Protein backbone atom coordinates (compact mmCIF):
# COMPACT_ATOMS: atom_id res chain seq x y z
CA MET A 1 -70.10 25.15 -0.45
CA THR A 2 -70.68 26.53 -3.94
CA LYS A 3 -68.92 29.81 -4.73
CA LEU A 4 -71.43 32.23 -6.31
CA ILE A 5 -69.23 35.32 -6.58
CA GLU A 6 -65.47 35.64 -6.75
CA ILE A 7 -63.83 39.06 -7.04
CA ARG A 8 -60.06 39.54 -7.15
CA ASP A 9 -58.00 42.72 -7.03
CA LEU A 10 -60.94 45.10 -7.55
CA SER A 11 -60.10 48.80 -7.55
CA LYS A 12 -62.28 51.83 -8.32
CA VAL A 13 -61.17 55.42 -8.84
CA TYR A 14 -63.49 58.39 -9.35
CA GLU A 15 -62.32 61.64 -10.87
CA ARG A 16 -63.45 64.83 -9.18
CA GLY A 17 -62.20 67.55 -11.47
CA LYS A 18 -58.43 67.01 -11.61
CA GLN A 19 -58.44 65.04 -8.33
CA LYS A 20 -58.58 61.23 -8.34
CA VAL A 21 -60.35 59.58 -5.40
CA GLU A 22 -59.63 55.87 -4.88
CA VAL A 23 -62.67 54.33 -3.21
CA LEU A 24 -61.74 50.64 -3.54
CA HIS A 25 -58.15 49.47 -3.27
CA HIS A 26 -57.36 45.91 -4.41
CA ILE A 27 -60.41 44.21 -2.85
CA ASP A 28 -60.83 40.41 -2.81
CA LEU A 29 -64.28 38.94 -2.07
CA ASP A 30 -65.79 35.46 -2.14
CA VAL A 31 -69.53 34.88 -1.65
CA GLU A 32 -70.63 31.29 -1.22
CA GLN A 33 -74.10 29.79 -1.40
CA GLY A 34 -75.92 30.47 1.87
CA ASP A 35 -73.79 33.55 2.74
CA PHE A 36 -75.54 36.76 3.78
CA LEU A 37 -74.12 39.94 2.25
CA ALA A 38 -75.00 43.55 3.08
CA LEU A 39 -73.64 46.69 1.46
CA MET A 40 -73.66 49.59 3.87
CA GLY A 41 -72.81 53.26 3.45
CA PRO A 42 -74.19 56.75 3.49
CA SER A 43 -76.90 57.95 1.13
CA GLY A 44 -75.52 58.59 -2.34
CA SER A 45 -72.51 56.26 -1.96
CA SER A 46 -73.49 53.97 -4.90
CA LYS A 47 -74.59 50.95 -2.86
CA ALA A 48 -77.13 50.00 -5.55
CA GLY A 49 -74.54 50.06 -8.35
CA PRO A 50 -73.05 46.60 -7.71
CA SER A 51 -76.51 45.00 -7.73
CA SER A 52 -77.54 46.57 -11.06
CA PRO A 53 -77.44 44.30 -14.11
CA GLY A 54 -74.46 45.10 -16.28
CA CYS A 55 -72.73 47.17 -13.64
CA ALA A 56 -69.17 47.23 -14.90
CA SER A 57 -68.33 50.90 -14.49
């Protein structure tokens, strides 16, 4: 199969005042052609962010 997306060692930390909240901790992900992918989470949890063009925050 053809690999469409490859992510290695992805981490994301938000700052809430002086507190740091790690929401992703060293994630690896491969998405191949024909795979079905769903992002799930509560309202306001930035599910649309990864699908936005230029989302590199």
